[in-house]
N, C-alpha and C. Protein backbone atom coordinates (compact mmCIF):
# COMPACT_ATOMS: atom_id res chain seq x y z
N MET A 1 -11.11 12.28 15.51
CA MET A 1 -11.62 10.93 15.61
C MET A 1 -12.66 10.79 16.70
N ARG A 2 -13.03 11.89 17.30
CA ARG A 2 -14.10 11.84 18.31
C ARG A 2 -15.39 11.39 17.64
N GLY A 3 -16.14 10.60 18.36
CA GLY A 3 -17.40 10.11 17.84
C GLY A 3 -17.25 8.87 16.98
N CYS A 4 -16.04 8.38 16.82
CA CYS A 4 -15.81 7.17 16.04
C CYS A 4 -15.96 5.95 16.94
N SER A 5 -16.76 5.00 16.50
CA SER A 5 -16.93 3.77 17.26
C SER A 5 -15.84 2.76 16.98
N PHE A 6 -15.42 2.68 15.71
CA PHE A 6 -14.44 1.68 15.31
C PHE A 6 -13.31 2.34 14.52
N ILE A 7 -12.10 2.20 15.04
CA ILE A 7 -10.92 2.74 14.37
C ILE A 7 -10.00 1.58 14.03
N ALA A 8 -9.62 1.50 12.76
CA ALA A 8 -8.73 0.43 12.31
C ALA A 8 -7.33 0.96 12.07
N GLY A 9 -6.34 0.18 12.44
CA GLY A 9 -4.96 0.46 12.07
C GLY A 9 -4.62 -0.34 10.83
N ILE A 10 -3.86 0.26 9.92
CA ILE A 10 -3.51 -0.40 8.66
C ILE A 10 -2.01 -0.31 8.44
N ASP A 11 -1.41 -1.43 8.03
CA ASP A 11 0.00 -1.44 7.66
C ASP A 11 0.22 -2.51 6.62
N GLU A 12 1.43 -2.50 6.04
CA GLU A 12 1.75 -3.45 4.98
C GLU A 12 3.09 -4.11 5.25
N ALA A 13 3.32 -5.18 4.52
CA ALA A 13 4.62 -5.84 4.52
C ALA A 13 4.93 -6.26 3.09
N GLY A 14 6.18 -6.08 2.71
CA GLY A 14 6.59 -6.57 1.41
C GLY A 14 6.62 -5.57 0.28
N ARG A 15 6.85 -4.30 0.59
CA ARG A 15 6.96 -3.33 -0.50
C ARG A 15 8.28 -3.48 -1.26
N GLY A 16 9.34 -3.85 -0.57
CA GLY A 16 10.66 -3.81 -1.19
C GLY A 16 11.20 -5.07 -1.85
N PRO A 17 10.66 -6.26 -1.57
CA PRO A 17 11.27 -7.48 -2.11
C PRO A 17 11.25 -7.57 -3.64
N LEU A 18 12.12 -8.43 -4.14
CA LEU A 18 12.16 -8.72 -5.57
C LEU A 18 11.11 -9.75 -5.97
N ALA A 19 10.58 -10.47 -4.99
CA ALA A 19 9.65 -11.56 -5.28
C ALA A 19 8.54 -11.60 -4.24
N GLY A 20 7.42 -12.16 -4.67
CA GLY A 20 6.29 -12.36 -3.76
C GLY A 20 5.36 -11.18 -3.71
N PRO A 21 4.29 -11.32 -2.93
CA PRO A 21 3.25 -10.31 -2.87
C PRO A 21 3.57 -9.18 -1.90
N VAL A 22 2.76 -8.14 -1.99
CA VAL A 22 2.68 -7.17 -0.91
C VAL A 22 1.40 -7.53 -0.14
N VAL A 23 1.48 -7.47 1.18
CA VAL A 23 0.36 -7.86 2.04
C VAL A 23 0.02 -6.69 2.94
N ALA A 24 -1.25 -6.34 3.02
CA ALA A 24 -1.71 -5.31 3.95
C ALA A 24 -2.68 -5.94 4.94
N ALA A 25 -2.68 -5.40 6.15
CA ALA A 25 -3.61 -5.86 7.17
C ALA A 25 -4.30 -4.66 7.79
N ALA A 26 -5.53 -4.89 8.23
CA ALA A 26 -6.32 -3.88 8.93
C ALA A 26 -6.82 -4.51 10.23
N VAL A 27 -6.64 -3.80 11.35
CA VAL A 27 -6.96 -4.35 12.66
C VAL A 27 -7.74 -3.33 13.48
N ILE A 28 -8.84 -3.77 14.07
CA ILE A 28 -9.61 -2.97 15.03
C ILE A 28 -9.41 -3.59 16.40
N LEU A 29 -8.83 -2.82 17.31
CA LEU A 29 -8.60 -3.28 18.67
C LEU A 29 -9.72 -2.80 19.59
N PRO A 30 -9.98 -3.50 20.68
CA PRO A 30 -10.98 -3.02 21.63
C PRO A 30 -10.52 -1.74 22.31
N VAL A 31 -11.46 -0.94 22.74
CA VAL A 31 -11.15 0.32 23.43
C VAL A 31 -10.30 0.03 24.66
N GLY A 32 -9.26 0.84 24.84
CA GLY A 32 -8.38 0.68 26.00
C GLY A 32 -7.35 -0.42 25.87
N PHE A 33 -7.22 -1.00 24.69
CA PHE A 33 -6.28 -2.09 24.49
C PHE A 33 -4.86 -1.63 24.80
N HIS A 34 -4.11 -2.49 25.48
CA HIS A 34 -2.70 -2.24 25.76
C HIS A 34 -1.97 -3.57 25.73
N HIS A 35 -0.74 -3.54 25.26
CA HIS A 35 0.08 -4.76 25.23
C HIS A 35 1.54 -4.36 25.42
N ASP A 36 2.21 -5.00 26.37
CA ASP A 36 3.59 -4.62 26.69
C ASP A 36 4.59 -4.96 25.59
N LEU A 37 4.31 -5.98 24.79
CA LEU A 37 5.25 -6.42 23.76
C LEU A 37 4.96 -5.82 22.39
N LEU A 38 3.70 -5.54 22.10
CA LEU A 38 3.30 -5.13 20.75
C LEU A 38 4.01 -3.85 20.31
N ASN A 39 4.64 -3.93 19.11
CA ASN A 39 5.42 -2.81 18.58
C ASN A 39 5.52 -3.02 17.07
N ASP A 40 6.19 -2.10 16.41
CA ASP A 40 6.51 -2.24 15.00
C ASP A 40 7.10 -3.63 14.76
N SER A 41 6.54 -4.37 13.80
CA SER A 41 6.97 -5.76 13.58
C SER A 41 8.47 -5.87 13.28
N LYS A 42 9.05 -4.82 12.69
CA LYS A 42 10.48 -4.86 12.37
C LYS A 42 11.35 -4.83 13.62
N LYS A 43 10.80 -4.40 14.73
CA LYS A 43 11.55 -4.33 15.99
C LYS A 43 11.37 -5.58 16.85
N LEU A 44 10.63 -6.54 16.34
CA LEU A 44 10.35 -7.77 17.08
C LEU A 44 11.09 -8.94 16.46
N THR A 45 11.36 -9.94 17.26
CA THR A 45 11.94 -11.16 16.72
C THR A 45 10.84 -11.96 16.02
N GLU A 46 11.26 -12.92 15.22
CA GLU A 46 10.28 -13.78 14.54
C GLU A 46 9.41 -14.51 15.57
N LYS A 47 10.02 -14.99 16.64
CA LYS A 47 9.26 -15.68 17.69
C LYS A 47 8.24 -14.75 18.35
N GLN A 48 8.63 -13.50 18.62
CA GLN A 48 7.70 -12.54 19.20
C GLN A 48 6.56 -12.22 18.24
N ARG A 49 6.89 -12.05 16.96
CA ARG A 49 5.85 -11.78 15.96
C ARG A 49 4.85 -12.93 15.88
N ASP A 50 5.36 -14.16 15.88
CA ASP A 50 4.48 -15.33 15.80
C ASP A 50 3.56 -15.40 17.01
N ARG A 51 4.13 -15.13 18.18
CA ARG A 51 3.32 -15.15 19.41
C ARG A 51 2.22 -14.10 19.36
N LEU A 52 2.60 -12.89 18.96
CA LEU A 52 1.61 -11.81 18.87
C LEU A 52 0.56 -12.10 17.80
N TYR A 53 0.99 -12.64 16.68
CA TYR A 53 0.05 -13.00 15.62
C TYR A 53 -1.02 -13.95 16.15
N GLU A 54 -0.57 -14.98 16.89
CA GLU A 54 -1.52 -15.95 17.45
C GLU A 54 -2.47 -15.27 18.43
N GLU A 55 -1.95 -14.37 19.27
CA GLU A 55 -2.81 -13.67 20.22
C GLU A 55 -3.84 -12.80 19.50
N ILE A 56 -3.38 -12.05 18.51
CA ILE A 56 -4.27 -11.12 17.78
C ILE A 56 -5.35 -11.89 17.04
N THR A 57 -4.94 -12.91 16.30
CA THR A 57 -5.91 -13.61 15.45
C THR A 57 -6.83 -14.55 16.23
N ALA A 58 -6.45 -14.92 17.45
CA ALA A 58 -7.29 -15.81 18.26
C ALA A 58 -8.30 -15.06 19.12
N SER A 59 -8.11 -13.76 19.27
CA SER A 59 -8.98 -12.98 20.16
C SER A 59 -10.30 -12.63 19.50
N ALA A 60 -11.39 -12.95 20.17
CA ALA A 60 -12.73 -12.61 19.66
C ALA A 60 -12.98 -11.11 19.71
N GLU A 61 -12.23 -10.39 20.56
CA GLU A 61 -12.43 -8.94 20.69
C GLU A 61 -11.70 -8.14 19.62
N ILE A 62 -10.76 -8.77 18.95
CA ILE A 62 -9.97 -8.07 17.92
C ILE A 62 -10.49 -8.46 16.55
N LYS A 63 -10.78 -7.47 15.73
CA LYS A 63 -11.24 -7.70 14.35
C LYS A 63 -10.07 -7.43 13.42
N TRP A 64 -9.81 -8.35 12.52
CA TRP A 64 -8.65 -8.21 11.64
C TRP A 64 -8.93 -8.85 10.29
N GLN A 65 -8.27 -8.33 9.29
CA GLN A 65 -8.32 -8.88 7.94
C GLN A 65 -7.00 -8.56 7.25
N PHE A 66 -6.72 -9.30 6.19
CA PHE A 66 -5.56 -8.98 5.38
C PHE A 66 -5.93 -9.14 3.92
N ALA A 67 -5.12 -8.57 3.05
CA ALA A 67 -5.30 -8.72 1.61
C ALA A 67 -3.93 -8.82 0.96
N VAL A 68 -3.88 -9.55 -0.13
CA VAL A 68 -2.65 -9.84 -0.84
C VAL A 68 -2.75 -9.32 -2.26
N VAL A 69 -1.73 -8.62 -2.72
CA VAL A 69 -1.61 -8.26 -4.13
C VAL A 69 -0.36 -8.94 -4.64
N ASP A 70 -0.53 -9.78 -5.66
CA ASP A 70 0.58 -10.62 -6.12
C ASP A 70 1.55 -9.87 -7.04
N ALA A 71 2.64 -10.55 -7.36
CA ALA A 71 3.71 -9.94 -8.15
C ALA A 71 3.24 -9.48 -9.52
N GLU A 72 2.36 -10.25 -10.14
CA GLU A 72 1.87 -9.88 -11.47
C GLU A 72 1.11 -8.55 -11.43
N GLU A 73 0.25 -8.40 -10.43
CA GLU A 73 -0.50 -7.14 -10.30
C GLU A 73 0.43 -5.99 -9.91
N ILE A 74 1.42 -6.26 -9.07
CA ILE A 74 2.41 -5.23 -8.72
C ILE A 74 3.08 -4.72 -9.99
N ASP A 75 3.47 -5.64 -10.86
CA ASP A 75 4.12 -5.23 -12.11
C ASP A 75 3.18 -4.43 -13.01
N GLN A 76 1.91 -4.73 -12.95
CA GLN A 76 0.93 -4.03 -13.80
C GLN A 76 0.65 -2.61 -13.33
N ILE A 77 0.54 -2.44 -12.00
CA ILE A 77 0.06 -1.13 -11.52
C ILE A 77 1.10 -0.35 -10.72
N ASN A 78 2.21 -0.91 -10.38
CA ASN A 78 3.35 -0.40 -9.60
C ASN A 78 3.15 -0.67 -8.11
N ILE A 79 4.24 -0.68 -7.38
CA ILE A 79 4.20 -1.13 -5.98
C ILE A 79 3.41 -0.17 -5.08
N LEU A 80 3.48 1.12 -5.32
CA LEU A 80 2.73 2.05 -4.47
C LEU A 80 1.23 1.83 -4.63
N ARG A 81 0.77 1.76 -5.87
CA ARG A 81 -0.66 1.52 -6.12
C ARG A 81 -1.09 0.16 -5.59
N ALA A 82 -0.22 -0.84 -5.75
CA ALA A 82 -0.54 -2.18 -5.26
C ALA A 82 -0.66 -2.19 -3.74
N THR A 83 0.24 -1.47 -3.07
CA THR A 83 0.17 -1.38 -1.61
C THR A 83 -1.13 -0.72 -1.17
N HIS A 84 -1.48 0.38 -1.81
CA HIS A 84 -2.72 1.08 -1.47
C HIS A 84 -3.94 0.21 -1.76
N GLU A 85 -3.89 -0.54 -2.85
CA GLU A 85 -5.01 -1.43 -3.18
C GLU A 85 -5.14 -2.53 -2.13
N ALA A 86 -4.03 -3.09 -1.68
CA ALA A 86 -4.08 -4.11 -0.62
C ALA A 86 -4.69 -3.52 0.65
N MET A 87 -4.33 -2.28 0.98
CA MET A 87 -4.89 -1.62 2.16
C MET A 87 -6.40 -1.44 2.02
N ARG A 88 -6.85 -1.02 0.84
CA ARG A 88 -8.29 -0.84 0.62
C ARG A 88 -9.02 -2.18 0.73
N ARG A 89 -8.46 -3.21 0.13
CA ARG A 89 -9.09 -4.54 0.14
C ARG A 89 -9.18 -5.11 1.56
N ALA A 90 -8.10 -4.97 2.32
CA ALA A 90 -8.11 -5.49 3.71
C ALA A 90 -9.18 -4.77 4.53
N THR A 91 -9.25 -3.46 4.37
CA THR A 91 -10.23 -2.67 5.13
C THR A 91 -11.65 -3.03 4.72
N ALA A 92 -11.88 -3.23 3.43
CA ALA A 92 -13.23 -3.55 2.93
C ALA A 92 -13.74 -4.86 3.51
N LYS A 93 -12.84 -5.77 3.89
CA LYS A 93 -13.23 -7.08 4.42
C LYS A 93 -13.57 -7.03 5.92
N LEU A 94 -13.25 -5.92 6.58
CA LEU A 94 -13.49 -5.84 8.03
C LEU A 94 -14.98 -5.79 8.35
N THR A 95 -15.35 -6.49 9.42
CA THR A 95 -16.70 -6.40 9.98
C THR A 95 -16.55 -6.27 11.48
N PRO A 96 -17.02 -5.16 12.05
CA PRO A 96 -17.72 -4.06 11.39
C PRO A 96 -16.76 -3.18 10.58
N GLN A 97 -17.32 -2.37 9.72
CA GLN A 97 -16.51 -1.41 8.98
C GLN A 97 -16.08 -0.29 9.92
N PRO A 98 -14.82 0.12 9.85
CA PRO A 98 -14.36 1.21 10.72
C PRO A 98 -14.94 2.56 10.30
N ASP A 99 -15.03 3.46 11.28
CA ASP A 99 -15.45 4.85 11.01
C ASP A 99 -14.26 5.68 10.59
N HIS A 100 -13.07 5.23 10.97
CA HIS A 100 -11.84 5.98 10.71
C HIS A 100 -10.70 4.97 10.65
N VAL A 101 -9.67 5.28 9.87
CA VAL A 101 -8.50 4.41 9.81
C VAL A 101 -7.24 5.20 10.11
N LEU A 102 -6.29 4.52 10.74
CA LEU A 102 -4.94 5.05 10.96
C LEU A 102 -4.02 4.28 10.04
N ILE A 103 -3.37 4.98 9.14
CA ILE A 103 -2.53 4.34 8.14
C ILE A 103 -1.07 4.65 8.43
N ASP A 104 -0.25 3.61 8.44
CA ASP A 104 1.18 3.81 8.63
C ASP A 104 1.77 4.46 7.39
N GLY A 105 2.45 5.58 7.59
CA GLY A 105 3.08 6.26 6.46
C GLY A 105 2.32 7.48 6.00
N LEU A 106 2.27 7.65 4.68
CA LEU A 106 1.64 8.82 4.07
C LEU A 106 0.18 8.53 3.74
N PRO A 107 -0.61 9.58 3.49
CA PRO A 107 -2.02 9.35 3.15
C PRO A 107 -2.18 8.47 1.91
N VAL A 108 -3.27 7.72 1.90
CA VAL A 108 -3.62 6.87 0.76
C VAL A 108 -4.83 7.50 0.08
N LYS A 109 -4.64 7.90 -1.17
CA LYS A 109 -5.72 8.55 -1.90
C LYS A 109 -5.91 7.87 -3.24
N PRO A 110 -7.16 7.53 -3.58
CA PRO A 110 -8.35 7.69 -2.75
C PRO A 110 -8.45 6.56 -1.70
N PHE A 111 -9.18 6.84 -0.64
CA PHE A 111 -9.47 5.83 0.37
C PHE A 111 -10.93 6.00 0.78
N PRO A 112 -11.67 4.91 0.90
CA PRO A 112 -13.12 5.02 1.11
C PRO A 112 -13.56 5.45 2.51
N ILE A 113 -12.62 5.52 3.44
CA ILE A 113 -12.94 5.86 4.83
C ILE A 113 -12.02 6.99 5.27
N GLU A 114 -12.54 7.86 6.13
CA GLU A 114 -11.71 8.96 6.64
C GLU A 114 -10.45 8.39 7.28
N GLN A 115 -9.32 9.04 7.02
CA GLN A 115 -8.05 8.49 7.45
C GLN A 115 -7.17 9.51 8.16
N THR A 116 -6.28 9.00 8.96
CA THR A 116 -5.17 9.76 9.52
C THR A 116 -3.91 8.99 9.20
N ALA A 117 -3.00 9.62 8.50
CA ALA A 117 -1.72 8.98 8.17
C ALA A 117 -0.69 9.34 9.23
N LEU A 118 0.02 8.34 9.70
CA LEU A 118 1.03 8.54 10.75
C LEU A 118 2.36 7.96 10.28
N VAL A 119 3.32 8.83 10.02
CA VAL A 119 4.65 8.35 9.68
C VAL A 119 5.23 7.64 10.90
N LYS A 120 5.77 6.44 10.68
CA LYS A 120 6.25 5.57 11.77
C LYS A 120 5.13 5.24 12.75
N GLY A 121 3.92 5.12 12.19
CA GLY A 121 2.73 4.86 13.01
C GLY A 121 2.76 3.53 13.71
N ASP A 122 3.53 2.57 13.17
CA ASP A 122 3.59 1.26 13.83
C ASP A 122 4.33 1.32 15.16
N GLY A 123 5.01 2.43 15.44
CA GLY A 123 5.64 2.62 16.74
C GLY A 123 4.84 3.54 17.64
N ILE A 124 3.72 4.07 17.11
CA ILE A 124 2.89 5.04 17.83
C ILE A 124 1.53 4.45 18.22
N SER A 125 0.95 3.69 17.30
CA SER A 125 -0.41 3.18 17.47
C SER A 125 -0.41 1.66 17.64
N PHE A 126 -1.10 1.17 18.67
CA PHE A 126 -1.21 -0.28 18.86
C PHE A 126 -1.92 -0.93 17.68
N SER A 127 -2.95 -0.27 17.14
CA SER A 127 -3.70 -0.91 16.05
C SER A 127 -2.84 -1.00 14.78
N ILE A 128 -2.02 0.01 14.51
CA ILE A 128 -1.12 -0.09 13.36
C ILE A 128 -0.05 -1.14 13.62
N ALA A 129 0.48 -1.19 14.85
CA ALA A 129 1.48 -2.21 15.19
C ALA A 129 0.89 -3.61 15.03
N ALA A 130 -0.36 -3.79 15.46
CA ALA A 130 -1.02 -5.10 15.30
C ALA A 130 -1.17 -5.44 13.82
N ALA A 131 -1.52 -4.44 13.01
CA ALA A 131 -1.63 -4.66 11.57
C ALA A 131 -0.27 -5.01 10.97
N SER A 132 0.79 -4.37 11.47
CA SER A 132 2.12 -4.67 10.93
C SER A 132 2.51 -6.10 11.23
N VAL A 133 2.15 -6.60 12.41
CA VAL A 133 2.44 -7.98 12.78
C VAL A 133 1.65 -8.95 11.90
N VAL A 134 0.36 -8.69 11.74
CA VAL A 134 -0.47 -9.57 10.92
C VAL A 134 0.04 -9.60 9.48
N ALA A 135 0.36 -8.44 8.94
CA ALA A 135 0.84 -8.37 7.55
C ALA A 135 2.18 -9.09 7.40
N LYS A 136 3.10 -8.85 8.31
CA LYS A 136 4.44 -9.44 8.22
C LYS A 136 4.40 -10.95 8.37
N VAL A 137 3.69 -11.45 9.37
CA VAL A 137 3.63 -12.89 9.59
C VAL A 137 2.91 -13.57 8.43
N THR A 138 1.83 -12.97 7.97
CA THR A 138 1.10 -13.53 6.83
C THR A 138 2.02 -13.63 5.61
N ARG A 139 2.73 -12.55 5.32
CA ARG A 139 3.61 -12.57 4.15
C ARG A 139 4.75 -13.57 4.31
N ASP A 140 5.35 -13.61 5.49
CA ASP A 140 6.44 -14.57 5.72
C ASP A 140 5.96 -16.00 5.52
N ARG A 141 4.75 -16.30 5.97
CA ARG A 141 4.22 -17.66 5.81
C ARG A 141 3.92 -17.96 4.34
N LEU A 142 3.44 -16.97 3.62
CA LEU A 142 3.23 -17.15 2.18
C LEU A 142 4.56 -17.44 1.48
N MET A 143 5.62 -16.74 1.90
CA MET A 143 6.92 -16.96 1.28
C MET A 143 7.50 -18.34 1.64
N LEU A 144 7.14 -18.87 2.80
CA LEU A 144 7.55 -20.25 3.13
C LEU A 144 6.86 -21.24 2.20
N GLU A 145 5.59 -20.95 1.87
CA GLU A 145 4.88 -21.79 0.89
C GLU A 145 5.55 -21.68 -0.48
N MET A 146 5.98 -20.47 -0.83
CA MET A 146 6.66 -20.28 -2.11
C MET A 146 8.03 -20.99 -2.12
N HIS A 147 8.66 -21.07 -0.95
CA HIS A 147 9.93 -21.81 -0.84
C HIS A 147 9.70 -23.27 -1.20
N ALA A 148 8.60 -23.84 -0.71
CA ALA A 148 8.30 -25.25 -1.01
C ALA A 148 8.04 -25.44 -2.50
N GLN A 149 7.47 -24.43 -3.14
CA GLN A 149 7.15 -24.52 -4.56
C GLN A 149 8.38 -24.25 -5.45
N TYR A 150 9.24 -23.33 -5.01
CA TYR A 150 10.42 -22.94 -5.78
C TYR A 150 11.67 -23.00 -4.89
N PRO A 151 12.07 -24.19 -4.46
CA PRO A 151 13.12 -24.30 -3.44
C PRO A 151 14.49 -23.76 -3.88
N VAL A 152 14.77 -23.72 -5.17
CA VAL A 152 16.11 -23.29 -5.60
C VAL A 152 16.41 -21.84 -5.23
N TYR A 153 15.38 -21.03 -4.96
CA TYR A 153 15.61 -19.62 -4.62
C TYR A 153 15.82 -19.40 -3.13
N GLU A 154 15.50 -20.41 -2.31
CA GLU A 154 15.65 -20.32 -0.85
C GLU A 154 14.86 -19.15 -0.25
N PHE A 155 13.61 -19.02 -0.68
CA PHE A 155 12.75 -17.95 -0.15
C PHE A 155 12.58 -18.02 1.36
N ALA A 156 12.71 -19.20 1.95
CA ALA A 156 12.59 -19.32 3.40
C ALA A 156 13.67 -18.52 4.12
N ARG A 157 14.80 -18.33 3.47
CA ARG A 157 15.91 -17.61 4.11
C ARG A 157 15.81 -16.10 3.95
N HIS A 158 15.33 -15.64 2.82
CA HIS A 158 15.35 -14.18 2.56
C HIS A 158 13.99 -13.57 2.28
N LYS A 159 12.95 -14.40 2.20
CA LYS A 159 11.56 -13.95 1.99
C LYS A 159 11.38 -13.09 0.73
N GLY A 160 12.28 -13.25 -0.22
CA GLY A 160 12.16 -12.52 -1.47
C GLY A 160 12.90 -11.20 -1.52
N TYR A 161 13.52 -10.81 -0.40
CA TYR A 161 14.25 -9.53 -0.37
C TYR A 161 15.55 -9.63 -1.17
N ALA A 162 16.13 -8.50 -1.45
CA ALA A 162 17.30 -8.39 -2.33
C ALA A 162 18.59 -8.68 -1.57
N THR A 163 18.79 -9.93 -1.20
CA THR A 163 20.01 -10.34 -0.51
C THR A 163 21.02 -10.86 -1.55
N ALA A 164 22.26 -11.00 -1.12
CA ALA A 164 23.29 -11.56 -2.00
C ALA A 164 22.90 -12.97 -2.44
N LEU A 165 22.37 -13.77 -1.51
CA LEU A 165 21.94 -15.13 -1.84
C LEU A 165 20.86 -15.11 -2.91
N HIS A 166 19.88 -14.22 -2.73
CA HIS A 166 18.78 -14.15 -3.69
C HIS A 166 19.29 -13.76 -5.08
N TYR A 167 20.18 -12.76 -5.15
CA TYR A 167 20.75 -12.37 -6.43
C TYR A 167 21.54 -13.52 -7.06
N GLU A 168 22.26 -14.25 -6.22
CA GLU A 168 23.05 -15.37 -6.74
C GLU A 168 22.13 -16.44 -7.35
N ARG A 169 21.00 -16.72 -6.66
CA ARG A 169 20.05 -17.72 -7.16
C ARG A 169 19.34 -17.22 -8.43
N LEU A 170 19.05 -15.94 -8.47
CA LEU A 170 18.45 -15.35 -9.68
C LEU A 170 19.40 -15.46 -10.87
N LYS A 171 20.65 -15.19 -10.62
CA LYS A 171 21.65 -15.25 -11.70
C LYS A 171 21.76 -16.68 -12.23
N LYS A 172 21.69 -17.63 -11.32
CA LYS A 172 21.84 -19.03 -11.71
C LYS A 172 20.59 -19.59 -12.38
N HIS A 173 19.40 -19.24 -11.86
CA HIS A 173 18.16 -19.89 -12.31
C HIS A 173 17.22 -18.97 -13.09
N GLY A 174 17.51 -17.66 -13.12
CA GLY A 174 16.56 -16.74 -13.75
C GLY A 174 15.33 -16.58 -12.86
N PRO A 175 14.42 -15.69 -13.21
CA PRO A 175 13.25 -15.46 -12.36
C PRO A 175 12.20 -16.56 -12.47
N CYS A 176 11.41 -16.70 -11.43
CA CYS A 176 10.28 -17.64 -11.42
C CYS A 176 8.98 -16.82 -11.49
N PRO A 177 7.83 -17.47 -11.55
CA PRO A 177 6.57 -16.73 -11.71
C PRO A 177 6.24 -15.73 -10.61
N ILE A 178 6.84 -15.86 -9.41
CA ILE A 178 6.50 -14.90 -8.35
C ILE A 178 7.49 -13.73 -8.27
N HIS A 179 8.46 -13.69 -9.17
CA HIS A 179 9.37 -12.55 -9.19
C HIS A 179 8.69 -11.34 -9.82
N ARG A 180 8.96 -10.18 -9.23
CA ARG A 180 8.43 -8.92 -9.76
C ARG A 180 9.35 -8.47 -10.89
N ARG A 181 8.90 -8.58 -12.11
CA ARG A 181 9.75 -8.27 -13.24
C ARG A 181 10.23 -6.82 -13.22
N THR A 182 9.40 -5.91 -12.73
CA THR A 182 9.78 -4.49 -12.71
C THR A 182 10.80 -4.19 -11.62
N PHE A 183 11.08 -5.13 -10.72
CA PHE A 183 12.05 -4.92 -9.65
C PHE A 183 13.41 -5.51 -9.99
N LEU A 184 13.47 -6.31 -11.04
CA LEU A 184 14.70 -7.05 -11.34
C LEU A 184 15.62 -6.23 -12.25
N PRO A 185 16.91 -6.56 -12.20
CA PRO A 185 17.83 -5.93 -13.15
C PRO A 185 17.35 -6.17 -14.57
N GLN A 186 17.62 -5.26 -15.47
CA GLN A 186 17.17 -5.38 -16.85
C GLN A 186 17.88 -6.55 -17.54
N PRO A 187 17.24 -7.15 -18.54
CA PRO A 187 17.83 -8.33 -19.20
C PRO A 187 19.25 -8.09 -19.72
N GLN A 188 19.53 -6.88 -20.17
CA GLN A 188 20.88 -6.62 -20.67
C GLN A 188 21.91 -6.59 -19.55
N ASP A 189 21.46 -6.55 -18.30
CA ASP A 189 22.40 -6.55 -17.18
C ASP A 189 22.99 -7.95 -17.01
N GLU A 190 22.32 -8.79 -16.20
CA GLU A 190 22.93 -10.10 -16.00
C GLU A 190 21.95 -11.26 -15.97
N PHE A 191 20.65 -10.98 -16.08
CA PHE A 191 19.69 -12.06 -16.03
C PHE A 191 19.04 -12.24 -17.39
N SER A 192 18.76 -13.46 -17.74
CA SER A 192 18.00 -13.69 -18.97
C SER A 192 16.56 -14.01 -18.59
N PHE A 193 15.65 -13.50 -19.37
CA PHE A 193 14.23 -13.71 -19.06
C PHE A 193 13.67 -14.70 -20.07
């Protein structure tokens, strides 16, 4: 990565839920950036994530973008491809464009920019950790909007993940338009479509 002027960290949120989008974020931090609290978003409280999100998105020195791939597209192309597509879209929106990207997890192929994949990168790289926070908070807020639209599923409580409450609501009400059909039990199991 020597000779690179701009390096972006990339991470996603929402690969596993039964409902809602997958969200990826790409973040370019200023050289020498350090933050005592910033870490993998899963290791932070909701309050800490919200605070960090506000700091990251309000800073003129930090460049960030996110992209959303909805449940319908996830069902069409599968969650891995959808996640990679969200990562590409978020990166494409960055200004300036990075010379290199650090991606949390395994390599993304194809990717339009030279990359380094880091397993558990959100605990190693500040830029990936910042991207994990942006992606997670963005997705959580989208799911709160979905809760207002489809309150019977209580998305505000589980954000679309496969909890007992979510399964109970699915059994009672069937899926709504933001449910990932390919993630749900088959119709012959217990849900009617």
